[in-house]
Protein backbone atom coordinates (compact mmCIF):
# COMPACT_ATOMS: atom_id res chain seq x y z
CA MET A 1 -75.08 -10.08 35.05
CA ASN A 2 -78.57 -10.04 36.57
CA ILE A 3 -80.15 -6.75 37.57
CA LEU A 4 -81.51 -7.12 41.12
CA PHE A 5 -84.51 -4.85 40.61
CA PRO A 6 -86.69 -4.44 43.71
CA HIS A 7 -89.98 -4.11 41.80
CA GLU A 8 -91.90 -6.23 39.32
CA ASN A 9 -91.35 -4.07 36.24
CA ILE A 10 -88.53 -1.85 34.99
CA ARG A 11 -89.92 1.24 33.28
CA LYS A 12 -88.45 2.42 29.97
CA ILE A 13 -86.77 5.49 31.52
CA GLN A 14 -85.26 3.31 34.28
CA ASP A 15 -83.97 0.87 31.70
CA GLU A 16 -82.18 3.75 29.94
CA PHE A 17 -80.61 4.84 33.25
CA ILE A 18 -79.60 1.25 34.10
CA ASN A 19 -77.86 0.81 30.71
CA ASP A 20 -75.89 4.02 31.24
CA ILE A 21 -74.85 2.84 34.72
CA LEU A 22 -73.71 -0.51 33.28
CA LEU A 23 -71.69 1.27 30.60
CA ALA A 24 -69.97 3.44 33.21
CA LEU A 25 -69.18 0.43 35.43
CA LYS A 26 -67.83 -1.76 32.63
CA GLU A 27 -65.65 1.00 31.19
CA LYS A 28 -64.57 2.29 34.65
CA LYS A 29 -66.06 5.66 33.83
CA HIS A 30 -68.06 8.18 35.83
CA LEU A 31 -71.70 9.14 35.23
CA LEU A 32 -73.42 12.45 35.97
CA ALA A 33 -77.18 12.05 35.71
CA HIS A 34 -79.87 14.72 35.76
CA ALA A 35 -82.73 12.40 36.73
CA PRO A 36 -86.02 14.09 37.69
CA THR A 37 -88.18 13.07 40.64
CA GLY A 38 -90.18 9.90 40.00
CA LEU A 39 -87.58 8.16 37.86
CA GLY A 40 -86.77 5.73 40.68
CA LYS A 41 -83.09 6.63 40.91
CA SER A 42 -82.29 4.66 44.09
CA ALA A 43 -83.90 1.45 42.80
CA ALA A 44 -82.15 1.70 39.42
CA VAL A 45 -78.68 2.54 40.71
CA LEU A 46 -78.60 0.04 43.61
CA SER A 47 -80.08 -2.85 41.61
CA THR A 48 -77.38 -2.34 38.97
CA THR A 49 -74.31 -1.59 41.07
CA ILE A 50 -74.85 -4.35 43.68
CA PRO A 51 -74.41 -7.38 41.37
CA TYR A 52 -71.43 -5.71 39.68
CA ALA A 53 -69.84 -4.90 43.05
CA LEU A 54 -70.39 -8.47 44.33
CA GLU A 55 -68.86 -9.97 41.18
CA ASN A 56 -65.84 -7.66 41.30
CA ASN A 57 -65.29 -7.52 45.06
CA LEU A 58 -66.05 -3.81 45.30
CA THR A 59 -67.77 -1.82 48.05
CA ILE A 60 -70.64 0.55 47.30
CA PHE A 61 -70.55 3.89 49.12
CA PHE A 62 -74.02 5.45 48.84
CA LEU A 63 -73.60 9.10 49.86
CA THR A 64 -76.50 11.34 50.82
CA SER A 65 -76.98 14.26 53.18
CA ARG A 66 -80.70 13.73 53.74
CA HIS A 67 -82.22 11.49 56.39
CA THR A 68 -85.18 10.70 54.10
CA GLN A 69 -82.81 9.41 51.42
CA HIS A 70 -81.14 7.12 53.98
CA LYS A 71 -84.60 5.64 54.63
CA ILE A 72 -85.36 5.21 50.91
CA ALA A 73 -82.00 3.48 50.32
CA ILE A 74 -82.51 1.14 53.29
CA GLU A 75 -86.05 0.20 52.18
CA THR A 76 -84.78 -0.44 48.61
CA LEU A 77 -81.97 -2.67 49.91
CA LYS A 78 -84.37 -4.64 52.12
CA LYS A 79 -86.59 -5.32 49.08
CA ILE A 80 -83.58 -6.41 46.98
CA LYS A 81 -82.42 -8.80 49.70
CA GLU A 82 -85.93 -10.20 50.17
CA LEU A 83 -86.79 -10.60 46.46
CA HIS A 84 -83.45 -11.94 45.25
CA ASN A 85 -82.18 -13.67 48.40
CA THR A 86 -78.90 -11.79 48.05
CA ASP A 87 -76.18 -12.03 50.68
CA LEU A 88 -76.17 -8.29 51.34
CA LYS A 89 -74.41 -6.73 54.30
CA VAL A 90 -75.46 -3.12 54.75
CA VAL A 91 -74.46 -0.35 57.16
CA ASP A 92 -76.36 2.92 57.56
CA LEU A 93 -74.02 5.58 58.93
CA ILE A 94 -74.50 9.25 59.78
CA GLY A 95 -72.18 11.77 61.45
CA LYS A 96 -70.55 10.56 64.66
CA GLN A 97 -72.07 13.38 66.70
CA HIS A 98 -75.61 12.53 65.57
CA MET A 99 -75.05 8.90 66.59
CA CYS A 100 -73.46 9.77 69.93
CA ILE A 101 -75.35 8.70 73.09
CA TYR A 102 -72.92 10.37 75.51
CA PRO A 103 -74.92 12.94 77.56
CA GLY A 104 -74.57 16.62 76.62
CA THR A 105 -72.76 16.24 73.29
CA GLU A 106 -75.78 17.36 71.24
CA THR A 107 -75.17 21.01 72.25
CA LEU A 108 -71.60 21.11 70.90
CA THR A 109 -70.58 22.50 67.51
CA PRO A 110 -69.14 19.87 65.11
CA GLN A 111 -65.57 21.10 65.75
CA GLN A 112 -66.08 21.08 69.52
CA PHE A 113 -67.57 17.58 69.40
CA THR A 114 -64.63 16.22 67.39
CA GLU A 115 -62.14 17.49 69.95
CA TYR A 116 -64.23 16.43 72.94
CA CYS A 117 -64.80 12.91 71.59
CA LYS A 118 -61.08 12.51 70.99
CA GLU A 119 -60.41 13.70 74.55
CA VAL A 120 -62.82 11.32 76.34
CA VAL A 121 -61.74 8.34 74.24
CA GLU A 122 -58.04 8.95 74.97
CA ASN A 123 -58.81 9.36 78.70
CA ASN A 124 -60.98 6.20 78.78
CA SER A 125 -63.82 8.25 80.25
CA CYS A 126 -66.48 7.26 77.70
CA GLN A 127 -68.06 4.03 78.95
CA TYR A 128 -69.74 3.37 75.59
CA TYR A 129 -66.34 3.29 73.90
CA THR A 130 -64.49 1.36 76.65
CA ASN A 131 -67.29 -1.26 76.72
CA LEU A 132 -66.42 -2.23 73.14
CA LYS A 133 -63.33 -4.15 74.24
CA PHE A 134 -62.07 -6.27 77.11
CA ASN A 135 -58.33 -7.01 77.38
CA ASN A 136 -57.78 -5.45 73.93
CA LYS A 137 -60.25 -7.85 72.32
CA LEU A 138 -63.87 -7.33 71.38
CA SER A 139 -66.02 -7.69 74.48
CA PHE A 140 -68.74 -10.33 74.83
CA GLU A 141 -71.44 -7.63 74.45
CA THR A 142 -69.85 -6.33 71.24
CA LYS A 143 -69.50 -9.80 69.68
CA ASN A 144 -73.05 -10.68 70.70
CA LEU A 145 -74.54 -7.54 69.11
CA LEU A 146 -72.53 -7.99 65.90
CA ASN A 147 -73.63 -11.63 65.58
CA LYS A 148 -77.25 -10.84 66.39
CA THR A 149 -77.48 -8.14 63.71
CA LYS A 150 -75.18 -9.77 61.14
CA LYS A 151 -77.91 -10.72 58.66
CA GLU A 152 -80.22 -7.79 59.35
CA ILE A 153 -80.41 -4.57 57.37
CA LEU A 154 -80.85 -1.91 60.04
CA ASP A 155 -81.42 1.79 59.54
CA VAL A 156 -79.33 4.11 61.68
CA ASP A 157 -82.07 4.66 64.28
CA GLU A 158 -82.45 0.92 64.80
CA LEU A 159 -78.69 0.52 65.14
CA ILE A 160 -78.44 3.36 67.68
CA SER A 161 -81.26 1.79 69.71
CA SER A 162 -79.64 -1.68 69.66
CA SER A 163 -76.23 -0.25 70.65
CA LYS A 164 -77.69 1.90 73.41
CA SER A 165 -79.45 -1.08 74.99
CA CYS A 166 -76.02 -2.76 75.26
CA SER A 167 -74.24 0.46 76.42
CA LEU A 168 -72.00 0.39 73.33
CA CYS A 169 -70.92 3.26 71.04
CA PRO A 170 -73.28 3.16 68.00
CA TYR A 171 -70.71 4.77 65.70
CA GLU A 172 -67.99 2.26 66.54
CA ILE A 173 -70.46 -0.64 66.17
CA SER A 174 -71.27 0.71 62.69
CA ILE A 175 -67.57 0.85 61.86
CA LEU A 176 -67.08 -2.77 62.96
CA LYS A 177 -70.07 -3.84 60.83
CA ALA A 178 -68.75 -1.77 57.90
CA LYS A 179 -65.67 -4.02 57.65
CA GLU A 180 -67.90 -6.79 56.28
CA ALA A 181 -70.39 -4.57 54.43
CA ASN A 182 -71.04 -4.57 50.67
CA VAL A 183 -73.07 -1.34 50.83
CA ILE A 184 -72.45 1.58 53.19
CA ILE A 185 -74.90 4.49 53.29
CA MET A 186 -73.33 7.63 54.71
CA ASP A 187 -72.71 11.37 54.42
CA TYR A 188 -70.56 13.05 51.75
CA TYR A 189 -67.88 13.88 54.32
CA HIS A 190 -67.17 10.23 55.09
CA ILE A 191 -65.53 9.99 51.66
CA PHE A 192 -64.77 13.56 50.55
CA SER A 193 -63.27 14.95 53.77
CA PRO A 194 -59.61 13.80 53.86
CA ALA A 195 -59.41 13.55 57.67
CA ILE A 196 -62.78 11.79 58.13
CA ALA A 197 -62.25 9.52 55.11
CA SER A 198 -58.74 8.51 56.22
CA ALA A 199 -59.96 7.49 59.69
CA PHE A 200 -63.03 5.70 58.27
CA LEU A 201 -61.15 3.80 55.54
CA ASN A 202 -58.34 2.75 57.90
CA LYS A 203 -60.78 1.45 60.50
CA THR A 204 -62.92 -0.47 57.98
CA ASP A 205 -60.11 -1.78 55.75
CA LYS A 206 -61.82 -0.23 52.71
CA THR A 207 -60.23 1.73 49.86
CA ILE A 208 -61.53 4.33 47.42
CA GLN A 209 -59.84 2.40 44.59
CA GLU A 210 -62.04 -0.65 45.24
CA SER A 211 -65.30 1.23 45.49
CA ILE A 212 -68.27 2.46 43.50
CA ILE A 213 -69.38 5.84 44.84
CA ILE A 214 -73.01 6.89 44.41
CA VAL A 215 -73.62 10.57 45.21
CA ASP A 216 -77.32 11.25 45.76
CA GLU A 217 -78.70 14.82 45.59
CA ALA A 218 -75.35 15.62 43.97
CA HIS A 219 -76.31 19.25 43.27
CA ASN A 220 -75.46 19.85 46.96
CA LEU A 221 -71.93 18.46 46.70
CA PRO A 222 -70.02 21.57 45.45
CA GLN A 223 -71.33 23.82 48.23
CA ARG A 224 -70.78 21.14 50.87
CA MET A 225 -67.15 20.75 49.74
CA ARG A 226 -66.60 24.51 49.80
CA ASP A 227 -68.16 24.84 53.25
CA HIS A 228 -66.00 22.01 54.58
CA LEU A 229 -62.78 23.79 53.58
CA SER A 230 -63.93 27.22 54.81
CA VAL A 231 -63.29 28.60 58.31
CA ARG A 232 -64.26 31.80 60.12
CA LEU A 233 -63.02 33.60 63.23
CA THR A 234 -65.27 36.19 64.88
CA SER A 235 -64.56 38.84 67.49
CA THR A 236 -67.20 37.14 69.68
CA THR A 237 -65.31 33.82 69.58
CA ILE A 238 -62.04 35.54 70.55
CA GLU A 239 -63.72 37.41 73.42
CA ARG A 240 -65.17 34.15 74.75
CA ALA A 241 -61.78 32.46 74.32
CA ILE A 242 -60.11 35.23 76.38
CA THR A 243 -62.69 34.74 79.14
CA GLU A 244 -62.03 30.99 79.00
CA ALA A 245 -58.26 31.59 79.28
CA GLN A 246 -58.39 33.78 82.42
CA PRO A 247 -56.53 31.21 84.64
CA TYR A 248 -53.86 30.66 81.97
CA GLU A 249 -51.64 33.74 81.66
CA GLN A 250 -49.65 32.86 78.52
CA ALA A 251 -52.70 31.67 76.56
CA LYS A 252 -54.62 34.81 77.59
CA LYS A 253 -51.72 36.99 76.39
CA TYR A 254 -51.64 35.24 73.00
CA LEU A 255 -55.42 35.59 72.57
CA GLU A 256 -55.31 39.30 73.45
CA GLU A 257 -52.62 39.73 70.76
CA ILE A 258 -54.88 37.95 68.24
CA LYS A 259 -57.79 40.23 69.23
CA GLU A 260 -55.60 43.30 68.81
CA LYS A 261 -54.49 42.07 65.37
CA LEU A 262 -58.15 41.58 64.32
CA ASP A 263 -59.14 45.00 65.71
CA ASN A 264 -56.32 46.67 63.75
CA LEU A 265 -57.35 44.89 60.56
CA SER A 266 -60.95 46.06 60.91
CA SER A 267 -60.23 49.65 61.89
CA ASN A 268 -61.70 52.09 59.35
CA LEU A 269 -63.60 49.14 57.78
CA GLN A 270 -67.08 49.99 56.54
CA GLU A 271 -68.37 46.56 55.42
CA GLU A 272 -65.80 44.12 54.06
CA ARG A 273 -62.51 43.85 52.17
CA LEU A 274 -60.03 41.26 50.94
CA VAL A 275 -56.96 40.64 53.08
CA LYS A 276 -53.65 38.90 52.44
CA LYS A 277 -52.37 36.00 54.51
CA SER A 278 -49.46 38.13 55.72
CA GLU A 279 -51.79 40.82 57.11
CA PHE A 280 -52.94 38.44 59.84
CA HIS A 281 -49.55 37.25 61.00
CA ILE A 282 -48.70 36.43 64.59
CA GLU A 283 -45.16 36.20 65.92
CA GLU A 284 -44.12 32.66 66.96
CA TYR A 285 -47.16 31.25 65.12
CA GLY A 286 -46.30 27.61 65.87
CA ASP A 287 -45.68 28.24 69.58
CA VAL A 288 -49.00 30.10 69.85
CA ILE A 289 -50.89 27.15 68.33
CA LEU A 290 -49.17 24.60 70.61
CA GLU A 291 -49.89 26.62 73.77
CA LEU A 292 -53.52 27.31 72.88
CA GLU A 293 -54.06 23.67 71.87
CA LYS A 294 -52.75 22.52 75.25
CA ILE A 295 -55.08 24.87 77.16
CA ALA A 296 -58.06 23.93 74.93
CA ASP A 297 -57.55 20.26 75.91
CA ILE A 298 -57.64 21.21 79.61
CA VAL A 299 -60.81 23.29 79.14
CA ARG A 300 -62.56 20.46 77.26
CA GLU A 301 -61.98 18.05 80.11
CA ILE A 302 -64.11 20.31 82.29
CA LYS A 303 -66.60 21.94 79.89
CA LYS A 304 -66.80 19.62 76.84
CA ARG A 305 -66.43 22.66 74.52
CA SER A 306 -63.60 25.18 74.08
CA TYR A 307 -63.61 28.50 72.25
CA ILE A 308 -59.82 28.43 72.46
CA GLY A 309 -59.97 25.22 70.40
CA THR A 310 -62.04 27.04 67.75
CA VAL A 311 -59.35 29.75 67.54
CA VAL A 312 -56.67 27.04 67.12
CA GLN A 313 -58.54 25.41 64.24
CA PHE A 314 -58.81 28.78 62.47
CA LEU A 315 -55.10 29.55 62.94
CA GLN A 316 -54.17 26.14 61.49
CA ALA A 317 -56.42 26.60 58.44
CA TRP A 318 -55.31 30.22 57.84
CA GLN A 319 -51.83 28.95 56.90
CA GLY A 320 -53.33 27.19 53.87
CA GLN A 321 -52.87 28.00 50.18
CA ASP A 322 -54.15 31.11 48.41
CA GLU A 323 -55.16 29.42 45.12
CA GLY A 324 -58.88 28.61 45.20
CA PHE A 325 -59.55 30.60 48.39
CA ALA A 326 -60.62 34.13 49.38
CA ARG A 327 -59.54 35.82 52.61
CA ILE A 328 -62.17 38.33 53.74
CA ILE A 329 -62.56 40.58 56.76
CA ALA A 330 -66.09 41.89 57.40
CA LYS A 331 -68.16 43.83 59.88
CA ASN A 332 -71.67 42.51 60.54
CA LYS A 333 -74.50 44.03 62.53
CA PHE A 334 -76.71 41.63 64.48
CA ASN A 335 -79.22 42.69 67.17
CA ASP A 336 -77.66 46.18 67.33
CA ARG A 337 -74.22 44.66 68.00
CA ILE A 338 -71.36 44.95 65.52
CA THR A 339 -69.07 41.91 65.19
CA THR A 340 -65.95 41.46 63.12
CA SER A 341 -65.26 38.25 61.22
CA LEU A 342 -62.16 37.03 59.40
CA SER A 343 -62.91 34.31 56.85
CA TYR A 344 -60.86 31.88 54.81
CA LYS A 345 -63.39 30.91 52.13
CA CYS A 346 -62.98 28.02 49.72
CA LEU A 347 -63.99 28.83 46.14
CA ASP A 348 -63.05 25.53 44.49
CA PRO A 349 -64.87 22.30 45.47
CA SER A 350 -62.56 20.25 43.24
CA LEU A 351 -59.79 20.72 45.83
CA LEU A 352 -61.59 17.99 47.79
CA SER A 353 -63.40 16.03 45.10
CA THR A 354 -60.80 15.51 42.34
CA GLU A 355 -58.60 13.00 44.18
CA VAL A 356 -61.62 10.87 45.16
CA ILE A 357 -63.03 10.95 41.63
CA ASP A 358 -59.68 10.00 40.08
CA SER A 359 -59.22 7.10 42.52
CA ALA A 360 -62.64 5.42 42.51
CA HIS A 361 -63.68 2.63 40.13
CA SER A 362 -66.77 4.68 39.20
CA VAL A 363 -68.55 7.71 40.62
CA ILE A 364 -72.26 8.08 39.86
CA CYS A 365 -73.66 11.54 40.63
CA MET A 366 -77.44 11.86 40.42
CA SER A 367 -80.04 14.50 41.22
CA GLY A 368 -83.33 15.86 39.97
CA THR A 369 -81.67 19.27 39.56
CA LEU A 370 -78.17 18.41 38.30
CA THR A 371 -78.29 21.00 35.58
CA PRO A 372 -76.35 22.15 33.66
CA LEU A 373 -74.37 18.92 33.76
CA GLU A 374 -71.27 20.49 32.19
CA MET A 375 -70.93 22.91 35.09
CA TYR A 376 -71.00 20.18 37.75
CA SER A 377 -68.55 18.10 35.70
CA GLU A 378 -66.07 20.98 35.51
CA ILE A 379 -66.27 22.42 39.03
CA LEU A 380 -66.06 18.98 40.69
CA GLY A 381 -63.04 17.98 38.60
CA PHE A 382 -64.40 15.12 36.44
CA LYS A 383 -62.43 14.10 33.35
CA ASN A 384 -64.57 12.98 30.38
CA PRO A 385 -67.51 11.55 32.34
CA ILE A 386 -70.76 10.29 30.80
CA LEU A 387 -73.29 13.16 31.00
CA LYS A 388 -76.96 12.18 30.71
CA SER A 389 -80.18 14.12 31.18
CA TYR A 390 -83.36 12.03 31.48
CA SER A 391 -86.86 13.21 30.69
CA ASN A 392 -89.49 13.73 33.37
CA PRO A 393 -91.40 10.46 33.87
CA PHE A 394 -94.65 12.17 34.91
CA PRO A 395 -97.45 13.00 32.41
CA GLN A 396 -96.85 16.41 30.82
CA GLU A 397 -100.57 17.21 30.93
CA ASN A 398 -100.52 17.08 34.75
CA ARG A 399 -98.17 20.05 35.03
CA LEU A 400 -98.58 23.65 33.92
CA ASN A 401 -95.38 25.74 34.00
CA LEU A 402 -96.04 29.44 33.59
CA LEU A 403 -93.60 32.34 33.23
CA ILE A 404 -95.16 35.72 34.07
CA PRO A 405 -92.84 38.59 32.98
CA LYS A 406 -94.89 41.35 34.65
CA THR A 407 -92.80 42.14 37.74
CA SER A 408 -89.25 41.92 39.04
CA THR A 409 -87.39 41.81 42.35
CA LYS A 410 -84.30 43.29 40.68
CA PHE A 411 -82.69 45.69 43.15
CA THR A 412 -83.08 48.75 40.91
CA LYS A 413 -86.80 48.03 40.43
CA ARG A 414 -87.75 47.46 44.06
CA SER A 415 -90.36 49.88 45.37
CA MET A 416 -93.61 49.91 47.31
CA GLY A 417 -95.45 49.95 43.98
CA MET A 418 -93.58 46.86 42.75
CA TYR A 419 -94.26 45.04 46.03
CA GLN A 420 -97.97 45.82 45.66
CA ASP A 421 -97.96 44.50 42.07
CA ILE A 422 -96.26 41.26 43.17
CA ALA A 423 -98.70 40.89 46.08
CA ARG A 424 -101.68 41.30 43.75
CA GLU A 425 -100.27 38.76 41.30
CA ILE A 426 -99.49 36.03 43.85
CA SER A 427 -102.69 36.54 45.87
CA SER A 428 -104.89 36.25 42.77
CA ILE A 429 -103.14 33.02 41.77
CA SER A 430 -103.15 31.46 45.26
CA ASN A 431 -106.80 32.41 45.78
CA LEU A 432 -107.73 30.75 42.47
CA VAL A 433 -105.77 27.50 42.97
CA PRO A 434 -108.06 24.82 44.51
CA GLY A 435 -105.80 23.73 47.38
CA ASN A 436 -102.47 24.44 49.02
CA CYS A 437 -99.82 26.72 47.56
CA ILE A 438 -96.17 27.44 48.48
CA ILE A 439 -94.73 30.80 47.47
CA PHE A 440 -90.92 31.05 47.46
CA PHE A 441 -89.13 34.41 47.77
CA PRO A 442 -85.45 35.34 47.26
CA SER A 443 -85.08 36.38 50.92
CA TYR A 444 -86.97 36.79 54.21
CA GLN A 445 -86.64 40.56 53.89
CA LEU A 446 -88.36 40.65 50.47
CA ARG A 447 -90.97 38.14 51.64
CA ASP A 448 -91.91 40.36 54.58
CA ALA A 449 -91.94 43.54 52.47
CA ILE A 450 -94.37 41.96 49.96
CA ASP A 451 -96.44 40.34 52.72
CA VAL A 452 -97.39 43.80 54.02
CA TYR A 453 -99.73 43.99 50.97
CA PHE A 454 -100.30 40.26 50.41
CA LYS A 455 -101.88 39.51 53.80
CA SER A 456 -104.90 41.75 53.14
CA LEU A 457 -105.44 40.24 49.66
CA CYS A 458 -105.01 36.54 50.44
CA LYS A 459 -108.21 34.68 51.34
CA LYS A 460 -106.45 31.56 52.68
CA THR A 461 -104.72 30.66 55.93
CA THR A 462 -101.09 31.78 55.67
CA TYR A 463 -98.06 30.05 57.18
CA TYR A 464 -94.56 31.53 57.40
CA GLU A 465 -91.16 29.89 57.25
CA GLN A 466 -89.13 31.32 60.14
CA LYS A 467 -85.39 31.80 59.94
CA GLY A 468 -83.59 29.11 61.97
CA ILE A 469 -86.74 26.98 62.31
CA SER A 470 -86.13 23.74 64.25
CA LYS A 471 -86.83 20.28 62.84
CA GLN A 472 -89.80 19.86 65.20
CA GLU A 473 -91.25 23.27 64.32
CA LYS A 474 -90.89 22.46 60.62
CA GLU A 475 -92.75 19.15 61.03
CA THR A 476 -95.54 20.82 63.04
CA LEU A 477 -95.96 23.55 60.42
CA LEU A 478 -96.10 20.97 57.60
CA ASP A 479 -98.67 18.87 59.50
CA ASN A 480 -100.94 21.90 59.95
CA PHE A 481 -100.39 22.93 56.32
CA LYS A 482 -101.46 19.45 55.16
CA LYS A 483 -104.62 19.55 57.30
CA ASP A 484 -105.73 22.70 55.47
CA LYS A 485 -105.69 21.04 52.05
CA GLU A 486 -109.49 21.12 51.59
CA MET A 487 -109.91 24.85 52.22
CA GLY A 488 -106.41 25.56 50.94
CA ALA A 489 -103.53 27.33 52.65
CA VAL A 490 -100.48 29.34 51.60
CA LEU A 491 -96.93 28.89 52.88
CA LEU A 492 -94.59 31.85 52.40
CA ALA A 493 -91.07 30.41 52.25
CA VAL A 494 -87.58 31.25 50.98
CA ALA A 495 -85.85 29.65 47.97
CA GLY A 496 -82.87 27.70 49.24
CA GLY A 497 -84.43 27.55 52.72
CA ASN A 498 -86.01 24.81 54.81
CA PHE A 499 -88.94 24.04 52.50
CA SER A 500 -87.35 24.18 49.04
CA GLU A 501 -85.73 20.75 49.41
CA GLY A 502 -86.35 17.52 51.29
CA ILE A 503 -90.15 17.80 51.68
CA ASP A 504 -92.73 15.66 49.90
CA LEU A 505 -96.34 16.82 49.54
CA PRO A 506 -97.79 14.29 47.08
CA GLY A 507 -101.38 13.86 45.88
CA ASP A 508 -103.66 16.74 46.78
CA LEU A 509 -101.38 18.17 49.50
CA LEU A 510 -99.84 20.78 47.17
CA LYS A 511 -101.46 22.21 44.07
CA SER A 512 -99.18 25.09 43.21
CA VAL A 513 -95.71 26.58 43.64
CA ILE A 514 -94.91 30.21 42.85
CA VAL A 515 -91.27 31.31 42.66
CA VAL A 516 -91.13 35.08 43.14
CA GLY A 517 -88.02 36.76 41.74
CA LEU A 518 -84.59 35.26 41.27
CA PRO A 519 -82.79 33.85 44.34
CA LEU A 520 -79.45 35.36 43.34
CA SER A 521 -76.60 35.39 45.84
CA ARG A 522 -75.94 38.66 47.63
CA PRO A 523 -73.33 40.49 45.48
CA ASP A 524 -70.80 40.44 48.31
CA LEU A 525 -67.04 39.92 48.13
CA GLU A 526 -67.28 36.13 48.30
CA THR A 527 -69.67 36.04 45.33
CA THR A 528 -67.45 38.48 43.40
CA GLU A 529 -64.36 36.38 44.11
CA LEU A 530 -66.22 33.21 43.08
CA ILE A 531 -67.23 34.81 39.77
CA ASN A 532 -63.65 35.98 39.17
CA TYR A 533 -62.20 32.56 40.05
CA TYR A 534 -64.55 30.65 37.75
CA ASP A 535 -63.90 33.22 35.03
CA GLN A 536 -60.13 32.64 35.24
CA LYS A 537 -60.47 28.86 35.42
CA TYR A 538 -63.37 28.14 33.03
CA SER A 539 -64.18 31.51 31.36
CA LYS A 540 -67.71 31.09 32.75
CA GLY A 541 -67.58 33.13 35.94
CA TRP A 542 -70.94 34.89 35.63
CA ASP A 543 -72.77 31.65 34.78
CA TYR A 544 -71.05 29.31 37.27
CA GLY A 545 -70.73 31.78 40.13
CA TYR A 546 -74.01 33.68 39.91
CA ILE A 547 -76.72 32.72 37.38
CA PHE A 548 -76.67 28.91 37.47
CA PRO A 549 -76.68 28.61 41.31
CA ALA A 550 -79.75 30.90 41.41
CA MET A 551 -81.56 28.91 38.73
CA GLN A 552 -80.70 25.69 40.55
CA LYS A 553 -82.49 27.06 43.65
CA THR A 554 -85.45 28.07 41.47
CA ILE A 555 -85.76 24.61 39.90
CA GLN A 556 -85.31 22.94 43.30
CA ALA A 557 -88.16 25.02 44.75
CA ALA A 558 -90.37 24.32 41.72
CA GLY A 559 -89.76 20.60 42.25
CA ARG A 560 -91.86 20.60 45.45
CA CYS A 561 -94.90 20.43 43.17
CA ILE A 562 -95.66 17.17 41.27
CA ARG A 563 -94.09 14.38 43.34
CA SER A 564 -95.90 11.41 41.75
CA GLU A 565 -97.40 10.46 38.40
CA SER A 566 -100.94 11.21 39.60
CA ASP A 567 -100.15 14.67 41.02
CA LYS A 568 -101.50 17.70 39.21
CA GLY A 569 -100.27 21.24 39.77
CA VAL A 570 -99.26 24.68 38.53
CA ILE A 571 -95.72 26.11 38.81
CA VAL A 572 -95.31 29.85 38.30
CA PHE A 573 -92.06 31.75 37.70
CA LEU A 574 -92.81 35.38 38.52
CA ASP A 575 -90.07 37.71 37.27
CA GLU A 576 -89.40 39.29 33.89
CA ARG A 577 -85.76 38.13 34.03
CA TYR A 578 -86.85 34.48 33.64
CA SER A 579 -87.68 35.39 30.01
CA HIS A 580 -84.12 36.60 29.37
CA GLU A 581 -82.01 34.11 27.42
CA ASN A 582 -79.23 33.71 30.05
CA TYR A 583 -81.83 32.56 32.61
CA TYR A 584 -84.39 30.90 30.32
CA LYS A 585 -81.75 28.51 28.90
CA CYS A 586 -81.33 27.01 32.39
CA PHE A 587 -84.82 25.49 32.49
CA PRO A 588 -84.74 21.72 31.80
CA LYS A 589 -85.83 20.99 28.23
CA ASP A 590 -88.93 19.07 29.32
CA PHE A 591 -90.24 21.94 31.49
CA ASN A 592 -92.27 23.38 28.54
CA VAL A 593 -92.51 26.79 30.16
CA HIS A 594 -95.37 28.93 28.78
CA THR A 595 -94.95 32.72 28.90
CA THR A 596 -98.18 34.60 29.62
CA MET A 597 -99.47 37.94 30.82
CA LEU A 598 -102.91 36.40 31.54
CA PRO A 599 -102.17 33.52 33.95
CA LEU A 600 -105.56 33.29 35.69
CA LYS A 601 -107.38 32.11 32.59
CA ARG A 602 -104.72 29.43 31.92
CA ILE A 603 -104.82 28.23 35.54
CA GLU A 604 -108.61 28.09 35.64
CA GLU A 605 -108.72 26.03 32.42
CA PHE A 606 -105.98 23.72 33.68
CA PHE A 607 -107.80 22.78 36.88
CA LYS A 608 -111.10 22.29 35.01
């Protein structure tokens, strides 16, 4: 079998990865790969799986949640097709809502969009959908567009543009093209969400059994699976639903009963507590759902969105199993207003992933921060997969990893004095580094508390990540940050936030990353339940539910520095706890972390 590599030479580390992929494919096994940035993961995995898939009549599902990774995959596939003259049929697919060209749908929540789309399609009121067919057969416009783009590899933006010019639904055009496709690039949910996957596979005549699944940035998969199975009902949603139901007496009565039930549950509640399924029980549960569902459909015809519909979806999910879930009622204060929320939180991502993994020919999970591999294997439900960790392909001498055990953001050690010490440490480092620096904090609150002292000590222009920053605002901030590379600037961000993943600042655009403290989850009920659940299931609750997720965020943030083999930079881990064995063991073996109390001398020598 020929490897359809898109570049002239295969590097030694890529060759190792390719051989492991081949082994997994031939033995119908799964592969979990910790493969650092710069290895060329997309080129290696696609050039190996494509010839195997073509020979064995399999479809490749390339799953990624990042728009940039869609682009990289498309460019790689275009090179493969061009260099090897391969008969490749490729579809680039994102969520239906993000592909929708129907006016006004961009303001809807995902749940609201799903219901609204279903409504307008059933009522034949979406022209882009009805234009697809004429007399129950594909219309001339649809056939023409499919024929015209048959041999082209289009990214999703190009496909949306082509469909829009013909007044056709871009998502449905993608589905029609997917029937013939060898490679389909899409989101995790297209395969791991039972409802979305069932609809997608039925429409495209594809099966999980006859597929190779590539999961890119696979460290995100567990949380995405948990989020997908979790639902939440707030007092605000119920209040808006009651307002929405004013003309409908029976629905209004049911919603007022639900509100009363939630109010009773939260009476005498200080912060949060666990609840049982039976505590939130409504008489004639099925009748309530049917009535509210009927009214939600009527509301959506007029307003596109329905809060009543959101209540229905929660009521349906609440009837689910207890195993692997936590039911939590909480009071939250936001802008001086107290709201109550009732949550049904998924603790176990394998509830979604196991069936897919067991069915597929091979699943290849890869990420630059898929560590520890054993944890991801267990919590996703793999059975005896191949676990491989690859060394960093960039020159070791271009990176200086320092651990400074002088300070700590541990709750019991937080004080004005500690904040001043941290501010002095990070300002002296960022002032010394010849160029741009990103400093990551565990939270916005801690960032702002330390910045009170930092701002007077820092000699560089300072940028701030804002909570809820828009895509456009993020791009503008990054553009300005890049322009300051000569004089040097500092970006104060949050680990696990908008800038700790999915940004590339190669060359001289970023010279240093400082990770302040440990980005541990808030020790709330959900975290406690997660620790308890993983303890019962794997006897590793503290590691899997608390320590490893924090270290994964740390390593992800650190990865913003050194994005190519010519980059040179300093990465600093500023917290005494990083020197403790239970945290230190989580650093990848090739990190070569140096512990020092005198970082400035080391940094100065490094940049000389």
